[in-house]
Amino acid sequence: MQVLPPALTELIEAFGALPGVGPRTAERFAYYLTRRDSNVTHKLSDSLAKLHGGIGYCKKTFAFVPAGQDLSDLYTDPRRDKKP
């Protein structure tokens, strides 16, 4: 017998896979979202869906940059001293 709906169980398991998130915290996150307006959950799911396609790495510093950008703004800043 399943006590929780499968959609809720799946969400709890997904949160539980995050580092530092134990079973109780995962449940709290999931229950919190069930009580919020659906706009909150849609914004979260949209952000997660765009994550990997929307970021890249600077070829010099390995910092996060927007997808399609080769070098970070910090690295290309003309005021930055690039001497070793």
Protein backbone atom coordinates (compact mmCIF):
# COMPACT_ATOMS: atom_id res chain seq x y z
CA MET A 1 0.00 0.00 0.00
CA GLN A 2 1.38 3.38 -1.06
CA VAL A 3 0.85 6.07 1.59
CA LEU A 4 1.99 9.07 -0.47
CA PRO A 5 1.15 9.92 -4.07
CA PRO A 6 3.92 8.84 -6.46
CA ALA A 7 4.57 12.46 -7.55
CA LEU A 8 5.30 13.45 -3.95
CA THR A 9 7.46 10.40 -3.30
CA GLU A 10 9.47 11.13 -6.45
CA LEU A 11 10.04 14.74 -5.38
CA ILE A 12 11.15 13.68 -1.89
CA GLU A 13 13.63 11.23 -3.44
CA ALA A 14 14.94 13.93 -5.79
CA PHE A 15 15.52 16.37 -2.94
CA GLY A 16 17.10 13.58 -0.90
CA ALA A 17 19.69 13.05 -3.63
CA LEU A 18 21.09 16.54 -3.01
CA PRO A 19 24.22 16.73 -0.84
CA GLY A 20 23.48 17.51 2.79
CA VAL A 21 19.74 16.86 2.43
CA GLY A 22 18.53 13.99 4.57
CA PRO A 23 15.16 12.26 4.39
CA ARG A 24 13.37 14.62 6.82
CA THR A 25 14.68 17.77 5.11
CA ALA A 26 13.69 16.34 1.73
CA GLU A 27 10.17 15.76 3.07
CA ARG A 28 10.03 19.30 4.48
CA PHE A 29 11.04 20.78 1.11
CA ALA A 30 8.44 18.70 -0.73
CA TYR A 31 5.64 19.48 1.74
CA TYR A 32 6.56 23.16 1.64
CA LEU A 33 6.14 23.21 -2.13
CA THR A 34 2.75 21.48 -1.94
CA ARG A 35 1.47 24.38 0.17
CA ARG A 36 2.86 27.15 -2.05
CA ASP A 37 1.26 28.73 -5.07
CA SER A 38 1.96 26.76 -8.23
CA ASN A 39 3.93 29.75 -9.59
CA VAL A 40 6.64 28.99 -7.03
CA THR A 41 6.99 25.39 -8.17
CA HIS A 42 6.86 26.37 -11.85
CA LYS A 43 9.65 28.91 -11.34
CA LEU A 44 11.76 26.29 -9.55
CA SER A 45 11.17 23.63 -12.21
CA ASP A 46 11.87 26.12 -15.04
CA SER A 47 15.13 27.16 -13.37
CA LEU A 48 16.22 23.55 -12.98
CA ALA A 49 15.29 22.73 -16.58
CA LYS A 50 17.40 25.63 -17.89
CA LEU A 51 20.41 25.00 -15.65
CA HIS A 52 22.68 22.82 -17.79
CA GLY A 53 21.83 24.51 -21.06
CA GLY A 54 22.31 27.98 -19.63
CA ILE A 55 25.78 27.75 -18.12
CA GLY A 56 29.30 27.13 -19.35
CA TYR A 57 32.83 27.43 -17.99
CA CYS A 58 35.44 30.10 -18.60
CA LYS A 59 38.29 28.56 -20.60
CA LYS A 60 40.89 30.36 -18.46
CA THR A 61 39.46 30.49 -14.93
CA PHE A 62 36.90 27.66 -15.08
CA ALA A 63 34.35 29.98 -13.44
CA PHE A 64 30.69 29.67 -14.39
CA VAL A 65 29.67 31.85 -17.33
CA PRO A 66 26.52 32.13 -19.42
CA ALA A 67 26.27 29.45 -22.12
CA GLY A 68 28.12 30.46 -25.27
CA GLN A 69 30.51 32.81 -23.47
CA ASP A 70 34.14 31.67 -23.64
CA LEU A 71 35.74 33.88 -21.00
CA SER A 72 34.41 35.26 -17.73
CA ASP A 73 33.74 38.97 -17.37
CA LEU A 74 36.23 39.03 -14.52
CA TYR A 75 38.98 37.56 -16.69
CA THR A 76 38.34 39.95 -19.58
CA ASP A 77 38.08 43.04 -17.34
CA PRO A 78 40.71 45.49 -18.70
CA ARG A 79 41.44 46.65 -15.13
CA ARG A 80 42.55 43.15 -14.13
CA ASP A 81 46.29 42.61 -13.69
CA LYS A 82 47.07 39.48 -15.73
CA LYS A 83 50.79 39.35 -14.88
CA PRO A 84 51.93 36.10 -13.24
